[in-house]
């Protein structure tokens, strides 16, 4: 099957497109910092899917709060993992996101969450899948990561990095993570969406129609339901030491089968973080969103991270989204490939008009999506407030076959070698 890949010219005319005006580079050139621990940068997303204009204010607001929580941690001297966890907790607690509290309900009317986190410094990873009864799944993923960093367990056992279902729940309880009654995890919004979707499914099963008509009905119901069409939330962070971290959390697809685990828990699919080293010029961090099955089969997070090592980050991400996602041979049977990513890369560079011994931390950040829209927010530790933006495909673009790409550059202070 041949796929049409439509990348609007307006979305790729400039290497970096400003989120607010769409024509110039979103750039922040910060003065030399007297307190290097106040340095850092965070980029978050509230899902790649469909964000209605009527709720745009709420989506932007939760992204702004998530950025502020991460920056508060960075200003206190916290490293990237702690800051990215703080951002995710805020995103999970919002009733407008499909993660943690208010997540989509599965076919059985229950909430099962996925989450993962990766530390670019240690390269450790922690994840949970199909987890119920825990308000903030990212806290369990983070605890798995931190416990693994302590080394082997008794009798030389390898500590787990990925737990699912009841095993994940009991592990979380044993490690002091608070329990939450399942009925309190659902909100009026998610419950009404579940009831509406269930009625539509029952009606569709009773009415015998041709396959194309059934498909159109299902697509129509998805567009009517904002909650069901939004997916994973995530964040990526670089701290004052140049360490990167990434995290992702999701309630999964609406009306999913019980026990289904999406990309938010899969290694290399939901998030990726890797500090610069012998093989990598840049430190990179990625968080994804969209249709979990599409993201799992393409391992999009790791693919995007690898692409960020090329000189032109914008072009590299564009080619990755075109060739490794929309046009992926692993998705050749799909005519609508849905997903989105936020990425950043950072490196130390000589500060302008300064001694060679004084360096700045340069951060390039991008977001791209094939869905109708994607809500993002970003903020440096020296900014007074976060910038937020709902990126949308231009008129006439076909979701699942087209993509948008935007981003910016930020120089984070200066520090001695």
Protein backbone atom coordinates (compact mmCIF):
# COMPACT_ATOMS: atom_id res chain seq x y z
CA UNK A 1 0.00 0.00 0.00
CA UNK A 2 1.39 3.41 -0.94
CA UNK A 3 0.97 6.16 1.63
CA UNK A 4 0.66 9.86 0.93
CA UNK A 5 2.96 11.96 3.09
CA UNK A 6 1.93 15.58 3.07
CA UNK A 7 4.24 17.99 4.91
CA UNK A 8 2.85 21.52 4.62
CA UNK A 9 5.41 24.03 3.35
CA UNK A 10 4.46 26.52 6.03
CA UNK A 11 5.51 24.03 8.68
CA UNK A 12 8.99 23.37 7.32
CA UNK A 13 10.03 26.67 5.79
CA UNK A 14 12.27 27.65 8.71
CA UNK A 15 14.51 25.40 10.81
CA UNK A 16 12.81 26.65 13.96
CA UNK A 17 9.32 28.11 14.08
CA UNK A 18 8.14 30.32 16.91
CA UNK A 19 5.18 28.87 18.76
CA UNK A 20 3.42 32.20 19.01
CA UNK A 21 3.92 33.87 15.64
CA UNK A 22 5.00 30.99 13.40
CA UNK A 23 7.71 32.89 11.51
CA UNK A 24 10.85 33.41 13.59
CA UNK A 25 13.02 31.29 15.86
CA UNK A 26 11.77 30.85 19.41
CA UNK A 27 15.02 31.84 21.06
CA UNK A 28 16.06 32.82 24.57
CA UNK A 29 19.61 34.07 25.12
CA UNK A 30 20.15 34.19 28.85
CA UNK A 31 22.76 36.17 30.70
CA UNK A 32 25.58 34.52 32.62
CA UNK A 33 24.12 32.89 35.71
CA UNK A 34 25.62 33.63 39.12
CA UNK A 35 23.79 30.61 40.49
CA UNK A 36 24.32 27.76 38.04
CA UNK A 37 21.82 25.61 39.92
CA UNK A 38 19.06 27.90 38.67
CA UNK A 39 19.76 26.69 35.13
CA UNK A 40 17.62 24.18 33.28
CA UNK A 41 14.86 23.74 30.73
CA UNK A 42 11.60 21.77 30.50
CA UNK A 43 9.32 20.93 27.58
CA UNK A 44 5.99 19.18 28.22
CA UNK A 45 3.06 17.90 26.18
CA UNK A 46 -0.57 17.23 27.05
CA UNK A 47 -1.13 14.67 24.33
CA UNK A 48 -1.16 14.36 20.56
CA UNK A 49 -4.73 13.95 19.35
CA UNK A 50 -7.55 16.46 19.14
CA UNK A 51 -7.75 19.51 21.41
CA UNK A 52 -11.01 21.43 21.06
CA UNK A 53 -10.93 25.21 20.98
CA UNK A 54 -13.45 25.27 23.83
CA UNK A 55 -10.95 23.60 26.17
CA UNK A 56 -7.78 25.20 24.80
CA UNK A 57 -7.39 27.38 27.88
CA UNK A 58 -7.49 24.36 30.23
CA UNK A 59 -4.97 22.38 28.14
CA UNK A 60 -2.54 25.29 28.08
CA UNK A 61 -3.01 25.94 31.77
CA UNK A 62 -2.07 22.41 32.81
CA UNK A 63 1.04 22.56 30.59
CA UNK A 64 2.00 25.85 32.20
CA UNK A 65 1.60 24.42 35.71
CA UNK A 66 3.63 21.33 34.79
CA UNK A 67 6.47 23.53 33.51
CA UNK A 68 6.37 25.62 36.67
CA UNK A 69 6.57 22.52 38.90
CA UNK A 70 9.62 21.26 37.02
CA UNK A 71 11.31 24.67 37.13
CA UNK A 72 10.71 24.93 40.87
CA UNK A 73 12.66 21.70 41.26
CA UNK A 74 15.43 22.90 38.95
CA UNK A 75 15.77 26.17 40.85
CA UNK A 76 16.19 24.25 44.10
CA UNK A 77 19.14 22.39 42.56
CA UNK A 78 17.27 19.17 41.73
CA UNK A 79 18.52 17.03 38.86
CA UNK A 80 16.58 16.23 35.70
CA UNK A 81 14.87 13.04 36.93
CA UNK A 82 13.30 14.77 39.92
CA UNK A 83 12.19 17.74 37.80
CA UNK A 84 10.62 15.62 35.06
CA UNK A 85 8.76 13.58 37.69
CA UNK A 86 7.31 16.77 39.20
CA UNK A 87 6.03 17.84 35.78
CA UNK A 88 4.39 14.45 35.18
CA UNK A 89 2.64 14.43 38.56
CA UNK A 90 1.03 17.75 37.66
CA UNK A 91 -0.07 16.42 34.26
CA UNK A 92 -1.46 13.23 35.81
CA UNK A 93 -3.45 15.18 38.41
CA UNK A 94 -5.32 17.24 35.82
CA UNK A 95 -8.85 16.05 34.96
CA UNK A 96 -8.30 17.26 31.39
CA UNK A 97 -5.49 14.83 30.58
CA UNK A 98 -5.64 11.11 29.87
CA UNK A 99 -3.15 10.09 32.56
CA UNK A 100 -3.49 9.24 36.23
CA UNK A 101 -6.65 10.83 37.63
CA UNK A 102 -9.38 11.00 34.99
CA UNK A 103 -7.82 8.49 32.61
CA UNK A 104 -9.84 6.68 29.96
CA UNK A 105 -11.81 3.68 31.18
CA UNK A 106 -11.26 0.29 29.57
CA UNK A 107 -13.95 -2.09 28.29
CA UNK A 108 -14.56 -3.31 31.84
CA UNK A 109 -15.12 0.23 33.11
CA UNK A 110 -11.79 0.29 34.97
CA UNK A 111 -8.76 2.56 34.84
CA UNK A 112 -5.41 0.97 34.03
CA UNK A 113 -2.42 3.26 33.60
CA UNK A 114 0.98 3.05 31.95
CA UNK A 115 4.03 5.21 32.70
CA UNK A 116 7.79 5.21 32.29
CA UNK A 117 10.81 7.38 33.01
CA UNK A 118 14.41 7.35 31.83
CA UNK A 119 17.52 8.99 33.29
CA UNK A 120 20.02 10.13 30.68
CA UNK A 121 22.90 10.15 33.15
CA UNK A 122 22.67 6.56 34.42
CA UNK A 123 20.61 5.27 31.46
CA UNK A 124 18.35 3.50 33.96
CA UNK A 125 14.68 3.05 33.09
CA UNK A 126 11.55 2.40 35.15
CA UNK A 127 8.06 1.53 33.92
CA UNK A 128 4.63 0.29 34.97
CA UNK A 129 1.82 -1.08 32.80
CA UNK A 130 -1.89 -1.76 33.30
CA UNK A 131 -1.60 -0.34 36.83
CA UNK A 132 -4.75 0.34 38.87
CA UNK A 133 -5.27 1.93 42.27
CA UNK A 134 -2.31 4.34 42.17
CA UNK A 135 -3.03 8.03 41.59
CA UNK A 136 0.38 8.87 40.08
CA UNK A 137 1.84 5.96 38.09
CA UNK A 138 4.96 8.01 37.28
CA UNK A 139 5.91 7.87 40.98
CA UNK A 140 6.05 4.07 40.76
CA UNK A 141 8.11 4.22 37.56
CA UNK A 142 10.47 6.70 39.21
CA UNK A 143 10.82 4.53 42.30
CA UNK A 144 11.61 1.48 40.14
CA UNK A 145 14.34 3.52 38.48
CA UNK A 146 15.84 4.72 41.77
CA UNK A 147 15.72 1.26 43.34
CA UNK A 148 17.49 -0.22 40.32
CA UNK A 149 20.27 2.35 40.69
CA UNK A 150 21.04 0.93 44.14
CA UNK A 151 22.27 -2.31 42.60
CA UNK A 152 21.36 -5.96 42.97
CA UNK A 153 18.89 -7.33 45.49
CA UNK A 154 19.56 -10.06 48.04
CA UNK A 155 21.05 -13.30 46.69
CA UNK A 156 22.25 -11.43 43.62
CA UNK A 157 18.78 -10.88 42.15
CA UNK A 158 18.34 -8.28 39.42
CA UNK A 159 15.91 -5.50 40.45
CA UNK A 160 12.91 -5.06 38.15
CA UNK A 161 12.63 -2.11 35.78
CA UNK A 162 9.14 -2.90 34.41
CA UNK A 163 6.17 -4.21 36.40
CA UNK A 164 2.54 -4.65 35.38
CA UNK A 165 -0.90 -5.17 36.89
CA UNK A 166 -1.29 -6.40 40.45
CA UNK A 167 2.42 -7.07 40.76
CA UNK A 168 3.14 -3.41 40.08
CA UNK A 169 0.41 -2.37 42.50
CA UNK A 170 1.73 -4.46 45.41
CA UNK A 171 5.30 -3.39 44.71
CA UNK A 172 4.17 0.25 44.87
CA UNK A 173 2.37 -0.31 48.17
CA UNK A 174 5.40 -2.10 49.62
CA UNK A 175 7.52 0.95 48.74
CA UNK A 176 5.25 3.47 50.40
CA UNK A 177 3.42 4.87 47.38
CA UNK A 178 -0.13 5.86 48.40
CA UNK A 179 -3.14 3.79 47.32
CA UNK A 180 -6.11 5.45 45.66
CA UNK A 181 -9.60 3.93 45.54
CA UNK A 182 -10.38 2.99 41.91
CA UNK A 183 -13.69 4.87 42.00
CA UNK A 184 -11.82 8.06 42.92
CA UNK A 185 -9.55 7.75 39.88
CA UNK A 186 -12.46 8.34 37.51
CA UNK A 187 -13.90 11.81 36.96
CA UNK A 188 -17.35 12.88 35.79
CA UNK A 189 -15.75 13.65 32.44
CA UNK A 190 -14.16 10.21 32.00
CA UNK A 191 -17.26 8.37 33.26
CA UNK A 192 -19.58 10.21 30.87
CA UNK A 193 -17.18 9.49 28.01
CA UNK A 194 -17.16 5.80 28.93
CA UNK A 195 -20.96 5.58 29.02
CA UNK A 196 -21.25 7.41 25.71
CA UNK A 197 -18.66 5.17 24.03
CA UNK A 198 -20.25 2.03 25.43
CA UNK A 199 -23.67 2.96 24.05
CA UNK A 200 -22.17 3.63 20.63
CA UNK A 201 -20.31 0.33 20.65
CA UNK A 202 -23.44 -1.61 21.60
CA UNK A 203 -25.41 0.12 18.86
CA UNK A 204 -22.70 -0.57 16.27
CA UNK A 205 -22.64 -4.26 17.20
CA UNK A 206 -26.42 -4.57 16.74
CA UNK A 207 -26.57 -2.88 13.38
CA UNK A 208 -25.29 -5.01 10.51
CA UNK A 209 -23.72 -2.70 7.95
CA UNK A 210 -20.88 -2.76 5.51
CA UNK A 211 -17.37 -2.47 6.90
CA UNK A 212 -16.80 1.03 5.49
CA UNK A 213 -19.95 2.40 7.14
CA UNK A 214 -18.95 0.91 10.50
CA UNK A 215 -15.48 2.40 10.19
CA UNK A 216 -16.89 5.85 9.44
CA UNK A 217 -19.20 5.63 12.45
CA UNK A 218 -16.33 4.76 14.78
CA UNK A 219 -14.14 7.56 13.42
CA UNK A 220 -16.99 10.02 13.91
CA UNK A 221 -17.50 8.94 17.53
CA UNK A 222 -13.78 9.35 18.23
CA UNK A 223 -13.83 12.93 16.96
CA UNK A 224 -16.83 13.74 19.11
CA UNK A 225 -15.10 12.52 22.26
CA UNK A 226 -12.20 14.77 23.26
CA UNK A 227 -11.15 12.52 26.11
CA UNK A 228 -10.96 9.41 23.96
CA UNK A 229 -8.95 11.09 21.23
CA UNK A 230 -6.30 12.48 23.56
CA UNK A 231 -3.51 10.18 24.55
CA UNK A 232 -0.27 10.15 26.50
CA UNK A 233 1.25 13.12 28.37
CA UNK A 234 4.94 13.62 28.90
CA UNK A 235 7.90 15.84 29.70
CA UNK A 236 11.61 16.19 28.94
CA UNK A 237 14.15 18.12 31.01
CA UNK A 238 17.78 19.23 30.99
CA UNK A 239 19.26 20.31 34.34
CA UNK A 240 22.11 22.62 35.42
CA UNK A 241 24.67 19.83 35.00
CA UNK A 242 23.51 19.11 31.45
CA UNK A 243 21.81 15.84 32.43
CA UNK A 244 18.63 14.96 30.55
CA UNK A 245 15.58 12.94 31.59
CA UNK A 246 12.28 11.99 29.96
CA UNK A 247 8.97 10.67 31.25
CA UNK A 248 5.57 9.68 29.88
CA UNK A 249 2.22 8.64 31.37
CA UNK A 250 -1.08 7.46 29.90
CA UNK A 251 -4.48 6.04 30.65
CA UNK A 252 -4.41 4.35 27.24
CA UNK A 253 -6.95 4.25 24.47
CA UNK A 254 -10.62 4.65 25.33
CA UNK A 255 -12.45 1.31 25.58
CA UNK A 256 -9.19 -0.65 25.38
CA UNK A 257 -9.10 -4.32 26.35
CA UNK A 258 -8.26 -4.95 30.02
CA UNK A 259 -4.56 -5.66 30.42
CA UNK A 260 -3.52 -3.74 27.30
CA UNK A 261 -0.18 -1.95 27.72
CA UNK A 262 0.60 0.98 25.43
CA UNK A 263 3.80 2.70 24.38
CA UNK A 264 3.96 4.75 27.58
CA UNK A 265 5.41 1.72 29.38
CA UNK A 266 7.52 0.21 26.58
CA UNK A 267 11.29 0.70 26.47
CA UNK A 268 12.34 2.91 23.56
CA UNK A 269 8.73 3.65 22.58
CA UNK A 270 7.29 6.05 25.16
CA UNK A 271 10.35 8.02 26.21
CA UNK A 272 14.11 8.10 25.84
CA UNK A 273 16.96 10.05 27.52
CA UNK A 274 20.68 9.78 26.94
CA UNK A 275 23.51 12.08 28.02
CA UNK A 276 26.26 12.97 25.58
CA UNK A 277 29.15 10.52 25.72
CA UNK A 278 31.80 8.80 23.67
CA UNK A 279 29.38 7.95 20.87
CA UNK A 280 27.00 10.91 21.17
CA UNK A 281 27.81 14.57 20.57
CA UNK A 282 24.50 15.71 22.03
CA UNK A 283 22.45 14.83 25.08
CA UNK A 284 18.96 13.93 23.90
CA UNK A 285 15.51 13.45 25.45
CA UNK A 286 12.23 12.38 23.83
CA UNK A 287 8.63 11.83 24.94
CA UNK A 288 5.92 10.49 22.62
CA UNK A 289 2.14 10.46 22.37
CA UNK A 290 -0.53 9.11 20.06
CA UNK A 291 -1.68 5.63 19.09
CA UNK A 292 0.33 3.29 21.32
CA UNK A 293 0.37 0.40 18.87
CA UNK A 294 1.85 2.62 16.14
CA UNK A 295 4.51 3.97 18.50
CA UNK A 296 5.44 0.53 19.85
CA UNK A 297 5.86 -1.00 16.40
CA UNK A 298 8.18 1.82 15.30
CA UNK A 299 10.06 2.41 18.61
CA UNK A 300 9.65 6.08 17.79
CA UNK A 301 11.21 7.54 20.95
CA UNK A 302 14.56 5.85 20.39
CA UNK A 303 14.47 6.54 16.65
CA UNK A 304 13.98 10.27 17.28
CA UNK A 305 16.76 10.32 19.86
CA UNK A 306 19.20 8.77 17.38
CA UNK A 307 18.17 11.28 14.72
CA UNK A 308 19.08 14.18 17.03
CA UNK A 309 22.78 13.33 16.63
CA UNK A 310 22.71 14.67 13.07
CA UNK A 311 23.79 18.26 12.48
CA UNK A 312 20.41 19.62 11.36
CA UNK A 313 17.97 18.63 14.10
CA UNK A 314 14.90 19.97 12.31
CA UNK A 315 15.63 18.09 9.08
CA UNK A 316 16.56 14.93 10.98
CA UNK A 317 13.29 14.90 12.92
CA UNK A 318 11.32 15.65 9.75
CA UNK A 319 12.88 12.68 7.96
CA UNK A 320 12.35 10.42 10.97
CA UNK A 321 8.65 11.26 11.20
CA UNK A 322 8.27 10.75 7.45
CA UNK A 323 10.34 7.62 6.94
CA UNK A 324 10.40 5.90 10.32
CA UNK A 325 6.81 6.64 11.33
CA UNK A 326 4.29 7.63 8.63
CA UNK A 327 6.15 5.66 5.98
CA UNK A 328 7.46 2.90 8.24
CA UNK A 329 7.45 -0.58 6.70
CA UNK A 330 6.25 -1.84 10.08
CA UNK A 331 3.04 0.14 9.57
CA UNK A 332 2.56 -0.57 5.88
CA UNK A 333 -0.96 -1.87 6.46
CA UNK A 334 -2.03 1.33 8.22
CA UNK A 335 -3.46 4.22 6.21
CA UNK A 336 -3.69 6.55 9.21
CA UNK A 337 -0.56 6.70 11.41
CA UNK A 338 -1.16 8.81 14.51
CA UNK A 339 1.48 10.12 16.89
CA UNK A 340 3.48 13.01 18.19
CA UNK A 341 6.84 13.69 19.83
CA UNK A 342 8.64 16.34 21.83
CA UNK A 343 12.42 16.24 21.57
CA UNK A 344 15.38 18.22 22.83
CA UNK A 345 19.09 18.03 22.44
CA UNK A 346 21.72 19.96 24.37
CA UNK A 347 25.45 20.52 24.29
CA UNK A 348 28.01 22.72 25.95
CA UNK A 349 29.42 25.49 23.78
CA UNK A 350 31.80 28.43 24.28
CA UNK A 351 29.84 31.43 25.49
CA UNK A 352 29.96 34.44 23.21
CA UNK A 353 32.44 37.17 24.15
CA UNK A 354 33.75 35.02 27.01
CA UNK A 355 36.84 33.11 27.95
CA UNK A 356 37.21 29.65 26.34
CA UNK A 357 36.97 28.27 29.88
CA UNK A 358 33.40 29.58 30.20
CA UNK A 359 30.70 27.54 28.50
CA UNK A 360 26.98 27.91 27.86
CA UNK A 361 24.43 25.12 27.65
CA UNK A 362 22.70 25.26 24.28
CA UNK A 363 19.29 23.57 24.02
CA UNK A 364 17.43 22.92 20.76
CA UNK A 365 13.84 21.74 21.19
CA UNK A 366 11.21 20.53 18.74
CA UNK A 367 7.75 19.01 18.58
CA UNK A 368 6.09 17.19 15.71
CA UNK A 369 2.78 15.40 15.25
CA UNK A 370 0.63 13.65 12.65
CA UNK A 371 -2.54 14.10 14.72
CA UNK A 372 -4.90 17.04 14.34
CA UNK A 373 -3.22 18.85 17.21
CA UNK A 374 -0.71 18.66 20.04
CA UNK A 375 -0.57 20.84 23.15
CA UNK A 376 2.89 21.78 24.45
CA UNK A 377 4.52 24.07 26.99
CA UNK A 378 8.14 25.03 27.66
CA UNK A 379 10.11 27.10 30.15
CA UNK A 380 13.68 27.71 31.25
CA UNK A 381 14.66 28.09 34.89
CA UNK A 382 15.30 31.79 34.25
CA UNK A 383 11.91 32.50 32.68
CA UNK A 384 9.16 34.23 34.61
CA UNK A 385 6.44 32.09 33.08
CA UNK A 386 5.99 29.19 30.69
CA UNK A 387 5.07 29.54 27.04
CA UNK A 388 2.24 27.32 25.80
CA UNK A 389 0.96 26.48 22.36
CA UNK A 390 -1.55 24.19 20.66
CA UNK A 391 0.10 23.10 17.43
CA UNK A 392 -2.36 22.16 14.69
CA UNK A 393 -2.13 20.71 11.21
CA UNK A 394 -2.87 23.42 8.62
CA UNK A 395 -6.21 23.48 6.78
CA UNK A 396 -6.47 20.72 4.21
CA UNK A 397 -3.83 18.49 5.83
CA UNK A 398 -4.91 14.92 6.51
CA UNK A 399 -4.35 13.61 10.03
CA UNK A 400 -2.37 10.40 9.99
CA UNK A 401 -0.81 11.22 6.61
CA UNK A 402 0.56 14.73 7.20
CA UNK A 403 2.78 16.22 9.87
CA UNK A 404 3.59 19.52 11.53
CA UNK A 405 6.96 20.40 13.04
CA UNK A 406 7.98 23.42 15.12
CA UNK A 407 10.55 24.32 17.77
CA UNK A 408 13.15 26.71 19.08
CA UNK A 409 16.57 27.31 20.61
CA UNK A 410 17.55 28.35 24.13
CA UNK A 411 20.99 29.20 25.55
CA UNK A 412 21.01 28.46 29.26
CA UNK A 413 23.40 30.84 31.03
CA UNK A 414 27.11 30.19 31.32
CA UNK A 415 29.23 28.02 33.58
CA UNK A 416 32.90 27.29 34.08
CA UNK A 417 34.42 24.05 32.82
